[in-house]
C-alpha cells in the first residue's frame, strides 16, 4: 500500500467522521428547534388563554359598571354633598353642691341625598332628633325649591347628620342648622361645589330669610377652630358681650364696677383665627359668600 493510498484513506476517514459529526450536530440542532417550536406554541397557547381571561374580566368589569350606572339611575343618588354646620351644646359642671351650665360650640357634618320617591323629607341620625330639626328640614326643602324653580315632588330628600360623638349630635336642635341645610340643597340641585372655608349659622324662614340664633360667640369660636375663613350670621348678631371693669379710688377704698358692653365680634376672631364674621339677611345674600 502506497503512501498516497494511506493518505487518501486518512482523508476519507476524516471526511466521514466530519460528516457524521456534522450530521449529529444538525440532528441535535433540528431537535432543539423542534423543542423550541413546541415551547413557543405552548407559550402562545397560554398567552391566548390569558388574553381570553383578560377579555372575560374586562367584559365582567364593563357589565358591573353598567349595572352600577343603572342602579344609580334607578335610585337617582346624587353626589351626596355635605356642609359643615355649627351648633352649641350644654356642658354641666359641678363644684360639689351647685351645678353650672356652660355652652360650647361644636361642628357637625350634614349630607344630602336626592332619590326617586314621593316627596318625603327624611332626617337620618344616629340618635333621634327633635321636632324643630324636622320642621327646619322641610322648610329648607320648600325654600330651595322656590329659589331654584326645581320640582322635587317625585323625589325623597334625605338629610344625614354625623358628629364626632353622640354628645355633640344631641346639640342639634335643627333650627340653627336650617339655613345650612337650605344652602346645601341648593348647591346640590345646581351641581355646585361647596366652599368648606365658609361656615354659617341661622334658621331658615319660609320666605327665605335667615332667622336669629343663640350662642353666636361660642359658635364663632368653634368655626374658627375648624379652620373657617368666613362665618355667616344673621343680621345684627355679629356682636359679643364683653365685660369691662371700672375702678375708682375713694380714700383707702378701691371700688370696682362691672358692666357688659356689646362689641363687634369679627375683630376678635380675625385676630385669633384669621376668620371674618359677616351678616346676611336671606338665602341669596348667604349664597353670595359661597361663590
Protein backbone atom coordinates (compact mmCIF):
# COMPACT_ATOMS: atom_id res chain seq x y z
CA UNK A 1 0.00 0.00 0.00
CA UNK A 2 1.50 3.23 -1.10
CA UNK A 3 1.73 6.40 0.94
CA UNK A 4 -0.83 8.05 -1.34
CA UNK A 5 -3.33 5.33 -0.61
CA UNK A 6 -2.74 5.68 3.11
CA UNK A 7 -3.17 9.47 2.93
CA UNK A 8 -6.36 9.14 0.89
CA UNK A 9 -7.67 6.64 3.45
CA UNK A 10 -6.92 9.03 6.28
CA UNK A 11 -8.58 11.92 4.41
CA UNK A 12 -11.61 9.78 3.64
CA UNK A 13 -11.88 8.65 7.26
CA UNK A 14 -11.58 12.22 8.47
CA UNK A 15 -14.21 13.31 5.97
CA UNK A 16 -16.58 10.58 7.08
CA UNK A 17 -16.03 11.42 10.72
CA UNK A 18 -16.60 15.13 10.00
CA UNK A 19 -19.77 14.39 8.04
CA UNK A 20 -21.00 12.17 10.86
CA UNK A 21 -20.25 14.83 13.45
CA UNK A 22 -21.97 17.44 11.25
CA UNK A 23 -24.98 15.14 10.89
CA UNK A 24 -25.13 14.65 14.63
CA UNK A 25 -24.92 18.38 15.25
CA UNK A 26 -27.54 19.07 12.58
CA UNK A 27 -29.84 16.43 14.05
CA UNK A 28 -29.35 17.87 17.55
CA UNK A 29 -29.97 21.39 16.25
CA UNK A 30 -33.15 20.27 14.50
CA UNK A 31 -34.30 18.61 17.68
CA UNK A 32 -33.59 21.80 19.64
CA UNK A 33 -35.53 23.79 17.05
CA UNK A 34 -38.45 21.41 17.36
CA UNK A 35 -38.34 21.66 21.14
CA UNK A 36 -38.23 25.45 20.95
CA UNK A 37 -41.08 25.46 18.48
CA UNK A 38 -43.09 23.26 20.84
CA UNK A 39 -42.36 25.63 23.74
CA UNK A 40 -43.29 28.68 21.64
CA UNK A 41 -46.58 27.06 20.71
CA UNK A 42 -47.19 26.21 24.38
CA UNK A 43 -46.41 29.79 25.42
CA UNK A 44 -48.66 31.11 22.67
CA UNK A 45 -51.47 28.86 23.84
CA UNK A 46 -51.00 30.11 27.42
CA UNK A 47 -50.92 33.71 26.16
CA UNK A 48 -54.16 33.12 24.26
CA UNK A 49 -55.74 31.67 27.39
CA UNK A 50 -54.57 34.64 29.47
CA UNK A 51 -55.89 37.02 26.82
CA UNK A 52 -59.25 35.26 26.90
CA UNK A 53 -59.35 35.54 30.69
CA UNK A 54 -58.43 39.24 30.49
CA UNK A 55 -61.17 39.72 27.95
CA UNK A 56 -63.65 37.98 30.24
CA UNK A 57 -62.52 40.14 33.19
CA UNK A 58 -62.83 43.31 31.09
CA UNK A 59 -66.28 42.27 29.93
CA UNK A 60 -67.32 41.50 33.51
CA UNK A 61 -65.98 44.89 34.66
CA UNK A 62 -67.94 46.65 31.93
CA UNK A 63 -71.06 44.76 32.95
CA UNK A 64 -70.53 45.76 36.60
CA UNK A 65 -70.04 49.39 35.60
CA UNK A 66 -73.23 49.28 33.54
CA UNK A 67 -75.07 47.66 36.46
CA UNK A 68 -73.76 50.31 38.86
CA UNK A 69 -74.74 53.09 36.49
CA UNK A 70 -78.19 51.57 36.08
CA UNK A 71 -78.55 51.24 39.86
CA UNK A 72 -77.52 54.87 40.39
CA UNK A 73 -80.01 56.00 37.79
CA UNK A 74 -82.70 53.88 39.42
CA UNK A 75 -82.01 55.35 42.84
CA UNK A 76 -81.06 58.72 41.40
CA UNK A 77 -78.41 59.02 44.11
CA UNK A 78 -76.72 62.39 43.93
CA UNK A 79 -73.15 63.26 44.70
CA UNK A 80 -74.05 63.37 48.40
CA UNK A 81 -72.70 66.83 49.04
CA UNK A 82 -72.05 67.83 52.62
CA UNK A 83 -71.83 71.06 54.55
CA UNK A 84 -70.43 71.75 57.99
CA UNK A 85 -72.96 73.10 60.47
CA UNK A 86 -72.20 74.88 63.72
CA UNK A 87 -74.18 74.39 66.93
CA UNK A 88 -73.78 74.79 70.68
CA UNK A 89 -74.11 72.12 73.30
CA UNK A 90 -74.57 72.45 77.04
CA UNK A 91 -71.83 71.27 79.36
CA UNK A 92 -72.68 70.65 83.02
CA UNK A 93 -70.09 71.39 85.68
CA UNK A 94 -70.38 70.94 89.43
CA UNK A 95 -68.48 72.30 92.42
CA UNK A 96 -69.86 69.59 94.64
CA UNK A 97 -73.04 71.41 95.58
CA UNK A 98 -74.15 73.65 92.74
CA UNK A 99 -74.36 72.71 89.09
CA UNK A 100 -73.49 75.21 86.41
CA UNK A 101 -74.32 75.06 82.73
CA UNK A 102 -71.85 76.36 80.19
CA UNK A 103 -72.22 76.31 76.43
CA UNK A 104 -69.61 75.20 73.96
CA UNK A 105 -69.59 75.48 70.19
CA UNK A 106 -69.31 72.34 68.08
CA UNK A 107 -69.30 71.41 64.39
CA UNK A 108 -71.04 68.57 62.57
CA UNK A 109 -71.45 67.40 59.01
CA UNK A 110 -74.79 67.45 57.15
CA UNK A 111 -75.10 65.41 53.96
CA UNK A 112 -78.00 65.43 51.49
CA UNK A 113 -79.18 62.74 49.05
CA UNK A 114 -81.85 63.21 46.39
CA UNK A 115 -83.56 59.96 45.34
CA UNK A 116 -86.57 58.84 43.41
CA UNK A 117 -89.54 58.89 45.73
CA UNK A 118 -92.80 60.51 46.68
CA UNK A 119 -91.75 63.88 48.10
CA UNK A 120 -90.65 62.73 51.55
CA UNK A 121 -88.20 64.76 53.63
CA UNK A 122 -86.22 62.42 55.87
CA UNK A 123 -83.65 63.03 58.60
CA UNK A 124 -81.05 60.34 59.26
CA UNK A 125 -79.09 60.49 62.52
CA UNK A 126 -77.57 58.00 64.94
CA UNK A 127 -79.85 59.30 67.69
CA UNK A 128 -83.40 60.73 67.49
CA UNK A 129 -83.69 64.42 66.64
CA UNK A 130 -86.27 66.93 67.79
CA UNK A 131 -89.33 68.26 66.02
CA UNK A 132 -87.54 71.57 65.35
CA UNK A 133 -84.97 69.86 63.17
CA UNK A 134 -87.62 68.01 61.17
CA UNK A 135 -89.52 71.25 60.63
CA UNK A 136 -86.36 73.07 59.57
CA UNK A 137 -85.54 70.32 57.09
CA UNK A 138 -88.96 70.62 55.46
CA UNK A 139 -88.68 74.41 55.35
CA UNK A 140 -85.22 74.09 53.78
CA UNK A 141 -86.62 71.89 51.00
CA UNK A 142 -89.51 74.30 50.38
CA UNK A 143 -87.23 77.36 50.16
CA UNK A 144 -84.65 75.55 47.98
CA UNK A 145 -87.36 74.55 45.51
CA UNK A 146 -88.67 78.10 45.36
CA UNK A 147 -85.20 79.54 44.85
CA UNK A 148 -84.12 77.09 42.12
CA UNK A 149 -87.54 76.54 40.50
CA UNK A 150 -86.92 72.81 40.92
CA UNK A 151 -89.75 70.31 41.27
CA UNK A 152 -88.88 67.73 43.92
CA UNK A 153 -92.40 66.32 44.32
CA UNK A 154 -91.29 62.95 42.91
CA UNK A 155 -88.06 62.86 44.95
CA UNK A 156 -87.18 61.94 48.51
CA UNK A 157 -84.75 64.29 50.25
CA UNK A 158 -82.58 62.67 52.90
CA UNK A 159 -80.50 64.77 55.28
CA UNK A 160 -77.89 62.79 57.25
CA UNK A 161 -76.04 64.23 60.23
CA UNK A 162 -72.80 62.93 61.70
CA UNK A 163 -70.59 64.19 64.50
CA UNK A 164 -67.58 63.01 66.47
CA UNK A 165 -69.79 61.60 69.20
CA UNK A 166 -73.42 61.42 70.25
CA UNK A 167 -73.00 64.13 72.87
CA UNK A 168 -72.22 66.61 70.11
CA UNK A 169 -75.03 65.24 67.97
CA UNK A 170 -77.51 65.84 70.78
CA UNK A 171 -76.69 69.55 70.48
CA UNK A 172 -78.58 69.73 67.20
CA UNK A 173 -81.90 71.42 67.73
CA UNK A 174 -82.39 71.82 63.99
CA UNK A 175 -83.30 75.49 63.93
CA UNK A 176 -79.81 76.94 63.78
CA UNK A 177 -78.86 74.46 61.02
CA UNK A 178 -81.84 75.41 58.84
CA UNK A 179 -80.02 77.87 56.57
CA UNK A 180 -77.07 75.47 56.24
CA UNK A 181 -79.43 72.72 55.03
CA UNK A 182 -81.02 75.12 52.55
CA UNK A 183 -77.65 76.16 51.13
CA UNK A 184 -76.61 72.51 50.90
CA UNK A 185 -79.73 71.50 48.96
CA UNK A 186 -79.49 74.48 46.58
CA UNK A 187 -75.85 73.63 45.84
CA UNK A 188 -76.84 70.02 45.21
CA UNK A 189 -79.65 70.98 42.82
CA UNK A 190 -77.40 73.45 40.96
CA UNK A 191 -74.48 70.98 40.98
CA UNK A 192 -72.10 73.50 42.54
CA UNK A 193 -69.19 72.87 44.86
CA UNK A 194 -69.40 74.00 48.47
CA UNK A 195 -66.61 76.17 49.85
CA UNK A 196 -65.60 74.41 53.07
CA UNK A 197 -63.89 77.57 54.33
CA UNK A 198 -67.29 79.25 54.69
CA UNK A 199 -69.45 78.26 57.66
CA UNK A 200 -72.76 79.68 58.77
CA UNK A 201 -75.46 79.61 61.42
CA UNK A 202 -79.06 80.75 61.26
CA UNK A 203 -82.59 79.48 61.00
CA UNK A 204 -84.46 79.35 57.69
CA UNK A 205 -87.81 81.10 57.39
CA UNK A 206 -90.46 80.11 54.79
CA UNK A 207 -89.82 83.37 52.90
CA UNK A 208 -86.09 82.57 52.59
CA UNK A 209 -84.87 84.99 55.25
CA UNK A 210 -82.32 83.97 57.85
CA UNK A 211 -83.59 83.98 61.42
CA UNK A 212 -81.77 84.75 64.69
CA UNK A 213 -80.00 82.15 66.80
CA UNK A 214 -78.21 81.98 70.13
CA UNK A 215 -74.64 81.28 71.20
CA UNK A 216 -73.02 83.26 68.38
CA UNK A 217 -69.72 83.76 70.22
CA UNK A 218 -69.44 80.03 71.06
CA UNK A 219 -70.32 79.05 67.50
CA UNK A 220 -67.81 81.53 66.08
CA UNK A 221 -65.13 80.03 68.30
CA UNK A 222 -65.94 76.53 67.01
CA UNK A 223 -65.92 77.75 63.40
CA UNK A 224 -62.54 79.42 63.91
CA UNK A 225 -61.04 76.29 65.42
CA UNK A 226 -62.46 74.30 62.50
CA UNK A 227 -60.48 76.47 60.07
CA UNK A 228 -63.20 78.61 58.51
CA UNK A 229 -62.19 81.91 56.96
CA UNK A 230 -65.72 83.34 56.79
CA UNK A 231 -68.51 82.83 59.31
CA UNK A 232 -72.02 83.99 58.32
CA UNK A 233 -74.51 85.04 61.00
CA UNK A 234 -77.97 86.66 60.86
CA UNK A 235 -78.09 90.46 60.55
CA UNK A 236 -77.43 92.22 63.84
CA UNK A 237 -75.76 89.23 65.50
CA UNK A 238 -72.09 89.78 64.64
CA UNK A 239 -71.52 91.05 68.17
CA UNK A 240 -70.43 89.68 71.52
CA UNK A 241 -70.92 90.89 75.06
CA UNK A 242 -67.65 91.91 76.68
CA UNK A 243 -67.47 92.50 80.41
CA UNK A 244 -65.47 95.56 81.40
CA UNK A 245 -64.27 96.53 84.83
CA UNK A 246 -64.08 100.12 86.06
CA UNK A 247 -62.09 101.01 89.17
CA UNK A 248 -62.36 104.09 91.38
CA UNK A 249 -60.38 105.11 94.45
CA UNK A 250 -62.04 106.79 97.41
CA UNK A 251 -59.52 107.26 100.16
CA UNK A 252 -58.20 103.89 101.25
CA UNK A 253 -61.03 102.07 99.49
CA UNK A 254 -60.87 100.71 95.94
CA UNK A 255 -64.21 100.28 94.23
CA UNK A 256 -64.78 98.07 91.21
CA UNK A 257 -67.82 98.03 88.99
CA UNK A 258 -68.52 95.66 86.14
CA UNK A 259 -70.66 96.23 83.10
CA UNK A 260 -71.27 94.34 79.86
CA UNK A 261 -70.86 96.07 76.55
CA UNK A 262 -71.69 94.83 73.05
CA UNK A 263 -68.68 94.85 70.75
CA UNK A 264 -68.09 93.67 67.16
CA UNK A 265 -67.13 90.01 67.11
CA UNK A 266 -65.24 89.99 63.81
CA UNK A 267 -62.10 91.85 65.03
CA UNK A 268 -61.75 89.28 67.82
CA UNK A 269 -62.00 86.25 65.51
CA UNK A 270 -59.82 87.89 62.86
CA UNK A 271 -57.02 88.37 65.37
CA UNK A 272 -57.45 84.91 66.90
CA UNK A 273 -58.25 82.75 63.86
CA UNK A 274 -57.93 84.92 60.76
CA UNK A 275 -61.68 84.49 60.29
CA UNK A 276 -64.06 87.33 59.45
CA UNK A 277 -67.69 87.37 60.57
CA UNK A 278 -70.27 88.71 58.14
CA UNK A 279 -74.01 89.30 58.38
CA UNK A 280 -76.67 88.10 55.94
CA UNK A 281 -80.37 88.75 55.54
CA UNK A 282 -81.63 85.95 53.31
CA UNK A 283 -80.70 82.91 51.22
CA UNK A 284 -79.49 84.97 48.26
CA UNK A 285 -77.11 87.02 50.39
CA UNK A 286 -75.82 83.88 52.10
CA UNK A 287 -75.14 82.14 48.79
CA UNK A 288 -73.17 85.19 47.65
CA UNK A 289 -70.41 84.28 50.11
CA UNK A 290 -70.11 80.76 48.67
CA UNK A 291 -69.41 81.93 45.09
